[in-house]
Amino acid sequence: QVQLVESGGGLVQAGGSLRLSCAASGSIFRVDAMGWYRQAPGNQRELVARITSDSITRYADSVKGRFTISRDTAKNTVNLEMNSLKPEDTSVYYCKAERLNGNTRLIYWGQGTQVTVSS
């Protein structure tokens, strides 16, 4: 099992910044990719940013140039720096970890942290 604990959400005005952090613990050996997803009420959960163990990153088009994902393998954390926030970024943000288990990929989710951007 992998436990994920997110922190750093909150309320910010449009144009502001927030930094989300996710700390992983438990069976973190062979955790491959980690990432951030978000889900607004009535919407499906969507990818925000993802980073692999080789530091290959992927971003949603809507956040490119504004958000930066980083990973500290030694501390087992993944961070999301969010700048130039917009009201449409308002959502619950979830941390996700993918752990390799033989030929399968196990998925773990954090409990989510609310980000609210006021106009």
N, C-alpha and C. Protein backbone atom coordinates (compact mmCIF):
# COMPACT_ATOMS: atom_id res chain seq x y z
N GLN A 1 0.82 -1.19 0.00
CA GLN A 1 0.00 0.00 0.00
C GLN A 1 0.86 1.25 0.00
N VAL A 2 0.36 2.27 -0.63
CA VAL A 2 1.00 3.57 -0.63
C VAL A 2 0.01 4.58 -0.08
N GLN A 3 0.44 5.35 0.88
CA GLN A 3 -0.41 6.40 1.44
C GLN A 3 0.07 7.75 0.89
N LEU A 4 -0.88 8.57 0.51
CA LEU A 4 -0.59 9.89 -0.04
C LEU A 4 -1.32 10.94 0.77
N VAL A 5 -0.60 11.96 1.18
CA VAL A 5 -1.20 13.04 1.95
C VAL A 5 -0.90 14.36 1.26
N GLU A 6 -1.97 15.05 0.85
CA GLU A 6 -1.81 16.33 0.16
C GLU A 6 -1.89 17.48 1.15
N SER A 7 -1.27 18.58 0.79
CA SER A 7 -1.38 19.80 1.58
C SER A 7 -1.17 21.00 0.66
N GLY A 8 -1.59 22.17 1.15
CA GLY A 8 -1.30 23.40 0.42
C GLY A 8 -2.47 24.02 -0.30
N GLY A 9 -3.62 23.39 -0.27
CA GLY A 9 -4.77 24.00 -0.92
C GLY A 9 -5.26 25.21 -0.15
N GLY A 10 -6.23 25.92 -0.72
CA GLY A 10 -6.78 27.07 -0.04
C GLY A 10 -7.50 28.00 -0.99
N LEU A 11 -7.73 29.21 -0.49
CA LEU A 11 -8.44 30.25 -1.25
C LEU A 11 -7.45 31.30 -1.69
N VAL A 12 -7.52 31.67 -2.97
CA VAL A 12 -6.60 32.67 -3.51
C VAL A 12 -7.34 33.49 -4.55
N GLN A 13 -6.93 34.72 -4.73
CA GLN A 13 -7.53 35.56 -5.75
C GLN A 13 -6.96 35.22 -7.13
N ALA A 14 -7.73 35.51 -8.15
CA ALA A 14 -7.26 35.29 -9.51
C ALA A 14 -5.94 36.02 -9.74
N GLY A 15 -5.03 35.33 -10.40
CA GLY A 15 -3.70 35.88 -10.62
C GLY A 15 -2.70 35.49 -9.56
N GLY A 16 -3.19 34.92 -8.48
CA GLY A 16 -2.31 34.52 -7.39
C GLY A 16 -1.67 33.17 -7.60
N SER A 17 -0.98 32.71 -6.55
CA SER A 17 -0.23 31.47 -6.63
C SER A 17 -0.51 30.59 -5.43
N LEU A 18 -0.39 29.29 -5.65
CA LEU A 18 -0.46 28.31 -4.58
C LEU A 18 0.52 27.20 -4.89
N ARG A 19 0.96 26.53 -3.83
CA ARG A 19 1.86 25.39 -3.99
C ARG A 19 1.26 24.20 -3.27
N LEU A 20 1.01 23.14 -4.03
CA LEU A 20 0.49 21.90 -3.45
C LEU A 20 1.64 20.93 -3.25
N SER A 21 1.57 20.19 -2.15
CA SER A 21 2.56 19.16 -1.88
C SER A 21 1.86 17.84 -1.59
N CYS A 22 2.52 16.76 -1.96
CA CYS A 22 1.99 15.42 -1.71
C CYS A 22 3.13 14.56 -1.18
N ALA A 23 2.92 14.02 0.01
CA ALA A 23 3.93 13.17 0.63
C ALA A 23 3.48 11.71 0.53
N ALA A 24 4.36 10.87 0.04
CA ALA A 24 4.06 9.44 -0.11
C ALA A 24 4.76 8.65 0.99
N SER A 25 4.08 7.65 1.49
CA SER A 25 4.66 6.75 2.49
C SER A 25 4.12 5.35 2.26
N GLY A 26 4.72 4.39 2.97
CA GLY A 26 4.31 3.00 2.81
C GLY A 26 5.20 2.28 1.82
N SER A 27 4.60 1.51 0.96
CA SER A 27 5.36 0.70 -0.01
C SER A 27 5.74 1.54 -1.22
N ILE A 28 6.62 2.49 -0.99
CA ILE A 28 6.98 3.43 -2.05
C ILE A 28 8.03 2.89 -3.00
N PHE A 29 8.57 1.72 -2.65
CA PHE A 29 9.52 1.11 -3.56
C PHE A 29 8.80 0.79 -4.87
N ARG A 30 9.41 1.19 -5.95
CA ARG A 30 8.87 0.97 -7.28
C ARG A 30 7.67 1.86 -7.61
N VAL A 31 7.53 2.96 -6.86
CA VAL A 31 6.58 3.98 -7.32
C VAL A 31 7.17 4.62 -8.56
N ASP A 32 6.45 4.59 -9.62
CA ASP A 32 6.94 5.11 -10.90
C ASP A 32 6.47 6.55 -11.06
N ALA A 33 5.36 6.73 -11.72
CA ALA A 33 4.88 8.08 -11.97
C ALA A 33 4.05 8.60 -10.80
N MET A 34 4.10 9.90 -10.62
CA MET A 34 3.21 10.58 -9.67
C MET A 34 2.61 11.77 -10.39
N GLY A 35 1.49 12.20 -9.90
CA GLY A 35 0.86 13.30 -10.61
C GLY A 35 -0.24 13.96 -9.82
N TRP A 36 -0.78 14.99 -10.42
CA TRP A 36 -1.89 15.75 -9.85
C TRP A 36 -3.06 15.73 -10.83
N TYR A 37 -4.21 15.48 -10.28
CA TYR A 37 -5.46 15.48 -11.04
C TYR A 37 -6.43 16.39 -10.31
N ARG A 38 -7.47 16.81 -11.01
CA ARG A 38 -8.46 17.64 -10.35
C ARG A 38 -9.85 17.26 -10.81
N GLN A 39 -10.80 17.54 -9.94
CA GLN A 39 -12.19 17.22 -10.24
C GLN A 39 -13.09 18.28 -9.65
N ALA A 40 -13.80 18.96 -10.52
CA ALA A 40 -14.79 19.95 -10.11
C ALA A 40 -16.16 19.28 -10.05
N PRO A 41 -17.09 19.82 -9.27
CA PRO A 41 -18.42 19.21 -9.16
C PRO A 41 -19.08 19.02 -10.52
N GLY A 42 -19.57 17.82 -10.78
CA GLY A 42 -20.23 17.53 -12.03
C GLY A 42 -19.30 17.19 -13.18
N ASN A 43 -18.00 17.26 -12.92
CA ASN A 43 -17.03 16.96 -13.97
C ASN A 43 -16.26 15.68 -13.67
N GLN A 44 -15.64 15.14 -14.71
CA GLN A 44 -14.79 13.99 -14.51
C GLN A 44 -13.43 14.43 -13.97
N ARG A 45 -12.75 13.52 -13.30
CA ARG A 45 -11.41 13.81 -12.83
C ARG A 45 -10.50 13.91 -14.05
N GLU A 46 -9.65 14.94 -14.05
CA GLU A 46 -8.79 15.16 -15.21
C GLU A 46 -7.34 15.35 -14.80
N LEU A 47 -6.47 15.01 -15.71
CA LEU A 47 -5.05 15.19 -15.47
C LEU A 47 -4.71 16.68 -15.43
N VAL A 48 -3.90 17.04 -14.45
CA VAL A 48 -3.32 18.38 -14.40
C VAL A 48 -1.86 18.30 -14.83
N ALA A 49 -1.10 17.46 -14.14
CA ALA A 49 0.32 17.30 -14.44
C ALA A 49 0.78 15.95 -13.92
N ARG A 50 1.77 15.40 -14.60
CA ARG A 50 2.29 14.08 -14.24
C ARG A 50 3.79 14.09 -14.45
N ILE A 51 4.50 13.38 -13.57
CA ILE A 51 5.95 13.29 -13.69
C ILE A 51 6.37 11.85 -13.42
N THR A 52 7.24 11.33 -14.27
CA THR A 52 7.70 9.96 -14.10
C THR A 52 8.95 9.91 -13.24
N SER A 53 9.40 8.70 -12.95
CA SER A 53 10.63 8.53 -12.17
C SER A 53 11.84 9.04 -12.95
N ASP A 54 11.70 9.17 -14.27
CA ASP A 54 12.77 9.71 -15.11
C ASP A 54 12.59 11.21 -15.33
N SER A 55 11.67 11.80 -14.56
CA SER A 55 11.41 13.25 -14.62
C SER A 55 10.83 13.71 -15.94
N ILE A 56 10.15 12.81 -16.62
CA ILE A 56 9.42 13.21 -17.82
C ILE A 56 8.08 13.77 -17.38
N THR A 57 7.77 14.97 -17.82
CA THR A 57 6.55 15.64 -17.37
C THR A 57 5.52 15.73 -18.49
N ARG A 58 4.29 15.85 -18.06
CA ARG A 58 3.18 16.01 -18.98
C ARG A 58 2.18 16.94 -18.30
N TYR A 59 1.65 17.89 -19.05
CA TYR A 59 0.71 18.87 -18.50
C TYR A 59 -0.56 18.92 -19.34
N ALA A 60 -1.64 19.24 -18.68
CA ALA A 60 -2.86 19.57 -19.40
C ALA A 60 -2.64 20.88 -20.15
N ASP A 61 -3.22 21.00 -21.31
CA ASP A 61 -3.04 22.22 -22.12
C ASP A 61 -3.46 23.46 -21.34
N SER A 62 -4.48 23.31 -20.52
CA SER A 62 -5.04 24.46 -19.81
C SER A 62 -4.10 25.03 -18.74
N VAL A 63 -3.08 24.27 -18.35
CA VAL A 63 -2.19 24.75 -17.29
C VAL A 63 -0.76 24.95 -17.77
N LYS A 64 -0.47 24.61 -19.01
CA LYS A 64 0.89 24.77 -19.52
C LYS A 64 1.34 26.23 -19.41
N GLY A 65 2.55 26.40 -18.93
CA GLY A 65 3.09 27.74 -18.77
C GLY A 65 2.72 28.40 -17.46
N ARG A 66 1.77 27.82 -16.73
CA ARG A 66 1.35 28.39 -15.45
C ARG A 66 1.68 27.47 -14.27
N PHE A 67 1.60 26.18 -14.49
CA PHE A 67 1.83 25.21 -13.42
C PHE A 67 3.16 24.48 -13.68
N THR A 68 3.82 24.11 -12.60
CA THR A 68 5.06 23.34 -12.70
C THR A 68 5.02 22.20 -11.69
N ILE A 69 5.24 21.00 -12.17
CA ILE A 69 5.30 19.84 -11.29
C ILE A 69 6.76 19.48 -11.03
N SER A 70 7.05 19.10 -9.81
CA SER A 70 8.40 18.68 -9.46
C SER A 70 8.32 17.52 -8.48
N ARG A 71 9.42 16.81 -8.39
CA ARG A 71 9.43 15.61 -7.57
C ARG A 71 10.75 15.53 -6.82
N ASP A 72 10.67 15.22 -5.54
CA ASP A 72 11.84 14.98 -4.72
C ASP A 72 11.83 13.51 -4.33
N THR A 73 12.60 12.72 -5.06
CA THR A 73 12.59 11.27 -4.84
C THR A 73 13.10 10.92 -3.44
N ALA A 74 14.10 11.65 -2.96
CA ALA A 74 14.67 11.37 -1.64
C ALA A 74 13.64 11.59 -0.53
N LYS A 75 12.78 12.59 -0.71
CA LYS A 75 11.77 12.90 0.30
C LYS A 75 10.42 12.27 -0.02
N ASN A 76 10.34 11.60 -1.17
CA ASN A 76 9.09 10.97 -1.58
C ASN A 76 7.94 11.96 -1.64
N THR A 77 8.21 13.10 -2.23
CA THR A 77 7.19 14.12 -2.37
C THR A 77 7.06 14.56 -3.83
N VAL A 78 5.89 15.02 -4.16
CA VAL A 78 5.67 15.64 -5.46
C VAL A 78 4.93 16.95 -5.21
N ASN A 79 5.38 17.99 -5.88
CA ASN A 79 4.83 19.32 -5.66
C ASN A 79 4.23 19.87 -6.95
N LEU A 80 3.29 20.77 -6.78
CA LEU A 80 2.69 21.45 -7.91
C LEU A 80 2.68 22.94 -7.62
N GLU A 81 3.49 23.67 -8.35
CA GLU A 81 3.53 25.12 -8.22
C GLU A 81 2.52 25.69 -9.21
N MET A 82 1.55 26.43 -8.69
CA MET A 82 0.48 26.97 -9.53
C MET A 82 0.54 28.48 -9.51
N ASN A 83 0.78 29.07 -10.65
CA ASN A 83 0.85 30.52 -10.80
C ASN A 83 -0.24 31.02 -11.75
N SER A 84 -0.47 32.32 -11.69
CA SER A 84 -1.48 32.94 -12.56
C SER A 84 -2.79 32.17 -12.51
N LEU A 85 -3.22 31.89 -11.31
CA LEU A 85 -4.43 31.07 -11.14
C LEU A 85 -5.66 31.79 -11.67
N LYS A 86 -6.56 30.98 -12.20
CA LYS A 86 -7.81 31.48 -12.78
C LYS A 86 -8.99 30.86 -12.03
N PRO A 87 -10.14 31.52 -12.05
CA PRO A 87 -11.31 30.93 -11.39
C PRO A 87 -11.63 29.53 -11.90
N GLU A 88 -11.35 29.26 -13.15
CA GLU A 88 -11.63 27.92 -13.69
C GLU A 88 -10.67 26.85 -13.17
N ASP A 89 -9.66 27.24 -12.43
CA ASP A 89 -8.77 26.28 -11.78
C ASP A 89 -9.38 25.77 -10.47
N THR A 90 -10.47 26.37 -10.06
CA THR A 90 -11.13 25.94 -8.82
C THR A 90 -11.56 24.49 -8.93
N SER A 91 -11.13 23.68 -7.97
CA SER A 91 -11.41 22.26 -8.01
C SER A 91 -10.83 21.59 -6.77
N VAL A 92 -11.15 20.32 -6.61
CA VAL A 92 -10.44 19.49 -5.64
C VAL A 92 -9.28 18.85 -6.39
N TYR A 93 -8.09 19.01 -5.84
CA TYR A 93 -6.89 18.47 -6.47
C TYR A 93 -6.47 17.20 -5.74
N TYR A 94 -6.20 16.16 -6.51
CA TYR A 94 -5.84 14.86 -5.97
C TYR A 94 -4.43 14.47 -6.42
N CYS A 95 -3.69 13.92 -5.50
CA CYS A 95 -2.38 13.35 -5.81
C CYS A 95 -2.57 11.88 -6.20
N LYS A 96 -1.81 11.45 -7.17
CA LYS A 96 -1.90 10.07 -7.65
C LYS A 96 -0.51 9.48 -7.74
N ALA A 97 -0.38 8.24 -7.33
CA ALA A 97 0.88 7.51 -7.46
C ALA A 97 0.63 6.22 -8.21
N GLU A 98 1.58 5.86 -9.05
CA GLU A 98 1.49 4.62 -9.82
C GLU A 98 2.68 3.74 -9.42
N ARG A 99 2.37 2.55 -8.93
CA ARG A 99 3.44 1.65 -8.48
C ARG A 99 3.46 0.40 -9.35
N LEU A 100 4.64 0.06 -9.80
CA LEU A 100 4.80 -1.12 -10.62
C LEU A 100 4.75 -2.36 -9.74
N ASN A 101 3.98 -3.35 -10.20
CA ASN A 101 3.86 -4.61 -9.48
C ASN A 101 3.86 -5.73 -10.52
N GLY A 102 5.06 -6.19 -10.86
CA GLY A 102 5.15 -7.17 -11.94
C GLY A 102 4.70 -6.54 -13.25
N ASN A 103 3.71 -7.15 -13.87
CA ASN A 103 3.20 -6.63 -15.15
C ASN A 103 2.02 -5.68 -14.97
N THR A 104 1.70 -5.38 -13.73
CA THR A 104 0.57 -4.49 -13.48
C THR A 104 1.04 -3.17 -12.91
N ARG A 105 0.15 -2.21 -12.95
CA ARG A 105 0.43 -0.87 -12.42
C ARG A 105 -0.65 -0.56 -11.41
N LEU A 106 -0.26 -0.48 -10.15
CA LEU A 106 -1.22 -0.20 -9.08
C LEU A 106 -1.38 1.31 -8.92
N ILE A 107 -2.61 1.74 -8.69
CA ILE A 107 -2.92 3.17 -8.61
C ILE A 107 -3.34 3.52 -7.19
N TYR A 108 -2.82 4.62 -6.68
CA TYR A 108 -3.17 5.11 -5.34
C TYR A 108 -3.54 6.57 -5.45
N TRP A 109 -4.52 6.98 -4.64
CA TRP A 109 -4.99 8.37 -4.63
C TRP A 109 -4.91 8.94 -3.22
N GLY A 110 -4.65 10.23 -3.17
CA GLY A 110 -4.75 10.94 -1.91
C GLY A 110 -6.19 11.33 -1.66
N GLN A 111 -6.43 12.01 -0.54
CA GLN A 111 -7.79 12.34 -0.14
C GLN A 111 -8.30 13.61 -0.82
N GLY A 112 -7.43 14.36 -1.41
CA GLY A 112 -7.82 15.57 -2.12
C GLY A 112 -7.65 16.82 -1.28
N THR A 113 -7.37 17.92 -1.94
CA THR A 113 -7.27 19.22 -1.27
C THR A 113 -7.98 20.26 -2.15
N GLN A 114 -8.77 21.10 -1.50
CA GLN A 114 -9.58 22.07 -2.23
C GLN A 114 -8.75 23.29 -2.61
N VAL A 115 -8.87 23.68 -3.86
CA VAL A 115 -8.30 24.94 -4.35
C VAL A 115 -9.44 25.79 -4.88
N THR A 116 -9.56 26.99 -4.34
CA THR A 116 -10.62 27.90 -4.76
C THR A 116 -9.98 29.21 -5.21
N VAL A 117 -10.29 29.62 -6.43
CA VAL A 117 -9.75 30.85 -6.98
C VAL A 117 -10.91 31.83 -7.18
N SER A 118 -10.85 32.94 -6.49
CA SER A 118 -11.92 33.93 -6.58
C SER A 118 -11.60 34.95 -7.67
N SER A 119 -12.66 35.45 -8.29
CA SER A 119 -12.46 36.42 -9.38
C SER A 119 -12.44 37.83 -8.86
